[in-house]
Amino acid sequence: MALTPDPRLILSEQELDTALELLFLTEAALMATADGALEGEAAALGRTHYRTLFLLKRRPGLGVRELARLLALSKQGASRALADLERLGLVAKAAAETDARRRPAVLTREGAALEARVSERLRAQVARAYRAGGLDAVAGARRILSALAGGRMAPARAGAEA
């Protein structure tokens, strides 16, 4: 979906700084929720591990390169996160049918269950915020966040929840 900027929208530096502050504080609040959910898990997993699980739910078959791009990680960082999750039995990797060098990752049943437990808390937090913003705000918030995500946002693959 291409976004066409509205030429009538003029934003002051103060308005933009307020938006940046809200984004930083939003990220901190969401990650505190994720951290709290991860603390209750047996394995010592961090935010990158959770983000990886979440993206694999939404985009099964991600490889290291695409994961690194989406999460703004080095390829080594993405590879390390996937290796940790694979070692814990939360992710499985197999050679792709067309290119044996490519090893797309998918969630295991245990990985999907962990992702669901953590995401349940985050979805509740986002739902409260959407309700506070009102019905008309949801579509606008989605357009703004999609524009900020830039090329990282893509439709979920078949089999992933929308």
C-alpha atoms as a PDB file:
ATOM      1  CA  MET A   1       0.000   0.000   0.000  1.00  0.00           C
ATOM      2  CA  ALA A   2       1.635   3.243  -1.119  1.00  0.00           C
ATOM      3  CA  LEU A   3       1.275   6.147   1.250  1.00  0.00           C
ATOM      4  CA  THR A   4       0.704   9.561  -0.310  1.00  0.00           C
ATOM      5  CA  PRO A   5       1.811  12.362   1.994  1.00  0.00           C
ATOM      6  CA  ASP A   6      -0.712  15.068   2.694  1.00  0.00           C
ATOM      7  CA  PRO A   7       0.913  18.395   1.692  1.00  0.00           C
ATOM      8  CA  ARG A   8      -1.324  20.230   4.179  1.00  0.00           C
ATOM      9  CA  LEU A   9       0.313  18.450   7.118  1.00  0.00           C
ATOM     10  CA  ILE A  10       2.961  20.709   8.631  1.00  0.00           C
ATOM     11  CA  LEU A  11       4.612  19.415  11.776  1.00  0.00           C
ATOM     12  CA  SER A  12       6.718  21.501  14.125  1.00  0.00           C
ATOM     13  CA  GLU A  13      10.001  20.303  15.580  1.00  0.00           C
ATOM     14  CA  GLN A  14       8.265  20.117  18.975  1.00  0.00           C
ATOM     15  CA  GLU A  15       5.502  17.855  17.582  1.00  0.00           C
ATOM     16  CA  LEU A  16       8.078  15.592  15.951  1.00  0.00           C
ATOM     17  CA  ASP A  17      10.174  15.466  19.139  1.00  0.00           C
ATOM     18  CA  THR A  18       7.052  14.519  21.094  1.00  0.00           C
ATOM     19  CA  ALA A  19       6.398  11.718  18.604  1.00  0.00           C
ATOM     20  CA  LEU A  20       9.975  10.464  18.959  1.00  0.00           C
ATOM     21  CA  GLU A  21       9.699  10.576  22.745  1.00  0.00           C
ATOM     22  CA  LEU A  22       6.454   8.596  22.587  1.00  0.00           C
ATOM     23  CA  LEU A  23       8.032   6.013  20.282  1.00  0.00           C
ATOM     24  CA  PHE A  24      11.014   5.571  22.606  1.00  0.00           C
ATOM     25  CA  LEU A  25       8.756   5.266  25.647  1.00  0.00           C
ATOM     26  CA  THR A  26       6.442   2.887  23.799  1.00  0.00           C
ATOM     27  CA  GLU A  27       9.346   0.650  22.874  1.00  0.00           C
ATOM     28  CA  ALA A  28      10.523   0.664  26.501  1.00  0.00           C
ATOM     29  CA  ALA A  29       7.044  -0.232  27.778  1.00  0.00           C
ATOM     30  CA  LEU A  30       6.574  -3.044  25.253  1.00  0.00           C
ATOM     31  CA  MET A  31      10.023  -4.479  25.893  1.00  0.00           C
ATOM     32  CA  ALA A  32       9.494  -4.321  29.671  1.00  0.00           C
ATOM     33  CA  THR A  33       6.368  -6.422  29.142  1.00  0.00           C
ATOM     34  CA  ALA A  34       8.262  -8.873  26.931  1.00  0.00           C
ATOM     35  CA  ASP A  35      11.136  -9.025  29.435  1.00  0.00           C
ATOM     36  CA  GLY A  36       8.669  -9.787  32.229  1.00  0.00           C
ATOM     37  CA  ALA A  37       7.120 -12.602  30.229  1.00  0.00           C
ATOM     38  CA  LEU A  38      10.533 -14.025  29.303  1.00  0.00           C
ATOM     39  CA  GLU A  39      11.686 -13.981  32.946  1.00  0.00           C
ATOM     40  CA  GLY A  40       9.128 -16.672  33.717  1.00  0.00           C
ATOM     41  CA  GLU A  41      10.560 -19.031  31.091  1.00  0.00           C
ATOM     42  CA  ALA A  42      13.070 -21.774  31.851  1.00  0.00           C
ATOM     43  CA  ALA A  43      15.586 -20.797  29.165  1.00  0.00           C
ATOM     44  CA  ALA A  44      17.540 -17.557  29.484  1.00  0.00           C
ATOM     45  CA  LEU A  45      16.161 -15.789  26.426  1.00  0.00           C
ATOM     46  CA  GLY A  46      16.296 -12.126  25.550  1.00  0.00           C
ATOM     47  CA  ARG A  47      14.442  -9.653  23.386  1.00  0.00           C
ATOM     48  CA  THR A  48      16.194 -10.675  20.185  1.00  0.00           C
ATOM     49  CA  HIS A  49      15.152 -14.277  20.765  1.00  0.00           C
ATOM     50  CA  TYR A  50      11.534 -13.215  21.287  1.00  0.00           C
ATOM     51  CA  ARG A  51      11.539 -10.935  18.245  1.00  0.00           C
ATOM     52  CA  THR A  52      12.940 -13.811  16.199  1.00  0.00           C
ATOM     53  CA  LEU A  53      10.204 -16.172  17.402  1.00  0.00           C
ATOM     54  CA  PHE A  54       7.551 -13.567  16.633  1.00  0.00           C
ATOM     55  CA  LEU A  55       8.825 -12.905  13.116  1.00  0.00           C
ATOM     56  CA  LEU A  56       9.078 -16.631  12.416  1.00  0.00           C
ATOM     57  CA  LYS A  57       5.432 -16.973  13.391  1.00  0.00           C
ATOM     58  CA  ARG A  58       4.504 -14.186  10.997  1.00  0.00           C
ATOM     59  CA  ARG A  59       6.992 -15.130   8.260  1.00  0.00           C
ATOM     60  CA  PRO A  60       7.835 -18.846   8.441  1.00  0.00           C
ATOM     61  CA  GLY A  61      10.966 -19.809   6.554  1.00  0.00           C
ATOM     62  CA  LEU A  62      13.005 -16.696   7.276  1.00  0.00           C
ATOM     63  CA  GLY A  63      16.712 -17.070   6.765  1.00  0.00           C
ATOM     64  CA  VAL A  64      19.587 -15.366   8.549  1.00  0.00           C
ATOM     65  CA  ARG A  65      20.011 -12.569   6.002  1.00  0.00           C
ATOM     66  CA  GLU A  66      16.337 -11.538   6.021  1.00  0.00           C
ATOM     67  CA  LEU A  67      16.104 -11.816   9.803  1.00  0.00           C
ATOM     68  CA  ALA A  68      19.180  -9.604  10.155  1.00  0.00           C
ATOM     69  CA  ARG A  69      17.630  -7.015   7.826  1.00  0.00           C
ATOM     70  CA  LEU A  70      14.263  -7.005   9.576  1.00  0.00           C
ATOM     71  CA  LEU A  71      15.682  -6.705  13.091  1.00  0.00           C
ATOM     72  CA  ALA A  72      18.632  -4.460  12.164  1.00  0.00           C
ATOM     73  CA  LEU A  73      21.095  -7.066  13.414  1.00  0.00           C
ATOM     74  CA  SER A  74      24.416  -8.161  12.019  1.00  0.00           C
ATOM     75  CA  LYS A  75      24.285 -11.482  10.188  1.00  0.00           C
ATOM     76  CA  GLN A  76      26.323 -12.919  13.046  1.00  0.00           C
ATOM     77  CA  GLY A  77      23.776 -11.659  15.594  1.00  0.00           C
ATOM     78  CA  ALA A  78      20.855 -13.109  13.658  1.00  0.00           C
ATOM     79  CA  SER A  79      22.705 -16.390  13.191  1.00  0.00           C
ATOM     80  CA  ARG A  80      23.498 -16.558  16.906  1.00  0.00           C
ATOM     81  CA  ALA A  81      19.857 -15.941  17.882  1.00  0.00           C
ATOM     82  CA  LEU A  82      18.645 -18.650  15.503  1.00  0.00           C
ATOM     83  CA  ALA A  83      21.326 -21.065  16.721  1.00  0.00           C
ATOM     84  CA  ASP A  84      20.319 -20.457  20.365  1.00  0.00           C
ATOM     85  CA  LEU A  85      16.666 -21.084  19.544  1.00  0.00           C
ATOM     86  CA  GLU A  86      17.504 -24.181  17.510  1.00  0.00           C
ATOM     87  CA  ARG A  87      19.672 -25.557  20.352  1.00  0.00           C
ATOM     88  CA  LEU A  88      16.739 -25.086  22.751  1.00  0.00           C
ATOM     89  CA  GLY A  89      14.378 -26.894  20.386  1.00  0.00           C
ATOM     90  CA  LEU A  90      12.294 -23.763  19.698  1.00  0.00           C
ATOM     91  CA  VAL A  91      13.257 -23.430  16.028  1.00  0.00           C
ATOM     92  CA  ALA A  92      14.048 -25.976  13.333  1.00  0.00           C
ATOM     93  CA  LYS A  93      16.141 -25.334  10.228  1.00  0.00           C
ATOM     94  CA  ALA A  94      16.344 -27.504   7.152  1.00  0.00           C
ATOM     95  CA  ALA A  95      17.939 -27.118   3.751  1.00  0.00           C
ATOM     96  CA  ALA A  96      15.658 -25.386   1.263  1.00  0.00           C
ATOM     97  CA  GLU A  97      14.326 -27.532  -1.579  1.00  0.00           C
ATOM     98  CA  THR A  98      15.825 -25.340  -4.301  1.00  0.00           C
ATOM     99  CA  ASP A  99      19.070 -24.259  -2.576  1.00  0.00           C
ATOM    100  CA  ALA A 100      20.683 -26.540   0.022  1.00  0.00           C
ATOM    101  CA  ARG A 101      22.860 -23.653   1.246  1.00  0.00           C
ATOM    102  CA  ARG A 102      19.785 -21.726   2.382  1.00  0.00           C
ATOM    103  CA  ARG A 103      18.439 -22.986   5.702  1.00  0.00           C
ATOM    104  CA  PRO A 104      15.020 -21.424   6.360  1.00  0.00           C
ATOM    105  CA  ALA A 105      13.844 -21.519   9.964  1.00  0.00           C
ATOM    106  CA  VAL A 106      10.423 -22.402  11.328  1.00  0.00           C
ATOM    107  CA  LEU A 107       8.991 -22.571  14.819  1.00  0.00           C
ATOM    108  CA  THR A 108       8.697 -25.906  16.530  1.00  0.00           C
ATOM    109  CA  ARG A 109       5.603 -26.638  18.616  1.00  0.00           C
ATOM    110  CA  GLU A 110       7.549 -25.529  21.728  1.00  0.00           C
ATOM    111  CA  GLY A 111       8.722 -22.358  19.970  1.00  0.00           C
ATOM    112  CA  ALA A 112       5.177 -21.501  18.900  1.00  0.00           C
ATOM    113  CA  ALA A 113       3.929 -22.031  22.457  1.00  0.00           C
ATOM    114  CA  LEU A 114       6.625 -19.748  23.920  1.00  0.00           C
ATOM    115  CA  GLU A 115       5.955 -17.072  21.311  1.00  0.00           C
ATOM    116  CA  ALA A 116       2.231 -17.259  22.090  1.00  0.00           C
ATOM    117  CA  ARG A 117       2.772 -16.877  25.853  1.00  0.00           C
ATOM    118  CA  VAL A 118       4.899 -13.753  25.453  1.00  0.00           C
ATOM    119  CA  SER A 119       2.831 -12.250  22.624  1.00  0.00           C
ATOM    120  CA  GLU A 120      -0.388 -12.700  24.585  1.00  0.00           C
ATOM    121  CA  ARG A 121       0.815 -10.087  27.077  1.00  0.00           C
ATOM    122  CA  LEU A 122       1.957  -7.707  24.355  1.00  0.00           C
ATOM    123  CA  ARG A 123      -1.273  -8.059  22.389  1.00  0.00           C
ATOM    124  CA  ALA A 124      -3.230  -7.179  25.537  1.00  0.00           C
ATOM    125  CA  GLN A 125      -1.091  -4.062  25.965  1.00  0.00           C
ATOM    126  CA  VAL A 126      -1.602  -3.008  22.333  1.00  0.00           C
ATOM    127  CA  ALA A 127      -5.341  -3.737  22.539  1.00  0.00           C
ATOM    128  CA  ARG A 128      -5.655  -1.451  25.596  1.00  0.00           C
ATOM    129  CA  ALA A 129      -3.838   1.304  23.714  1.00  0.00           C
ATOM    130  CA  TYR A 130      -6.038   0.891  20.631  1.00  0.00           C
ATOM    131  CA  ARG A 131      -9.157   1.007  22.782  1.00  0.00           C
ATOM    132  CA  ALA A 132      -7.897   4.176  24.460  1.00  0.00           C
ATOM    133  CA  GLY A 133      -7.241   5.718  21.047  1.00  0.00           C
ATOM    134  CA  GLY A 134     -10.674   4.862  19.742  1.00  0.00           C
ATOM    135  CA  LEU A 135     -11.937   3.061  16.674  1.00  0.00           C
ATOM    136  CA  ASP A 136     -10.902   5.801  14.251  1.00  0.00           C
ATOM    137  CA  ALA A 137      -7.336   5.858  15.599  1.00  0.00           C
ATOM    138  CA  VAL A 138      -6.510   2.222  14.818  1.00  0.00           C
ATOM    139  CA  ALA A 139      -6.220   2.615  11.039  1.00  0.00           C
ATOM    140  CA  GLY A 140      -4.255   5.859  11.417  1.00  0.00           C
ATOM    141  CA  ALA A 141      -1.877   4.284  13.916  1.00  0.00           C
ATOM    142  CA  ARG A 142      -1.320   1.352  11.574  1.00  0.00           C
ATOM    143  CA  ARG A 143      -0.575   3.681   8.646  1.00  0.00           C
ATOM    144  CA  ILE A 144       1.908   5.687  10.717  1.00  0.00           C
ATOM    145  CA  LEU A 145       3.676   2.615  12.081  1.00  0.00           C
ATOM    146  CA  SER A 146       3.796   0.999   8.620  1.00  0.00           C
ATOM    147  CA  ALA A 147       5.341   4.146   7.170  1.00  0.00           C
ATOM    148  CA  LEU A 148       7.942   4.172   9.956  1.00  0.00           C
ATOM    149  CA  ALA A 149       8.726   0.473   9.374  1.00  0.00           C
ATOM    150  CA  GLY A 150       9.399   1.285   5.724  1.00  0.00           C
ATOM    151  CA  GLY A 151      10.391  -1.675   3.584  1.00  0.00           C
ATOM    152  CA  ARG A 152      10.458  -3.998   6.561  1.00  0.00           C
ATOM    153  CA  MET A 153       6.676  -4.332   6.622  1.00  0.00           C
ATOM    154  CA  ALA A 154       5.238  -6.882   4.257  1.00  0.00           C
ATOM    155  CA  PRO A 155       2.065  -8.938   4.262  1.00  0.00           C
ATOM    156  CA  ALA A 156       2.251 -12.059   6.418  1.00  0.00           C
ATOM    157  CA  ARG A 157       2.957 -15.230   4.468  1.00  0.00           C
ATOM    158  CA  ALA A 158       0.335 -17.872   3.927  1.00  0.00           C
ATOM    159  CA  GLY A 159      -0.028 -19.964   7.057  1.00  0.00           C
ATOM    160  CA  ALA A 160       0.945 -17.081   9.343  1.00  0.00           C
ATOM    161  CA  GLU A 161      -1.677 -15.231  11.276  1.00  0.00           C
ATOM    162  CA  ALA A 162      -2.674 -11.871   9.837  1.00  0.00           C
END
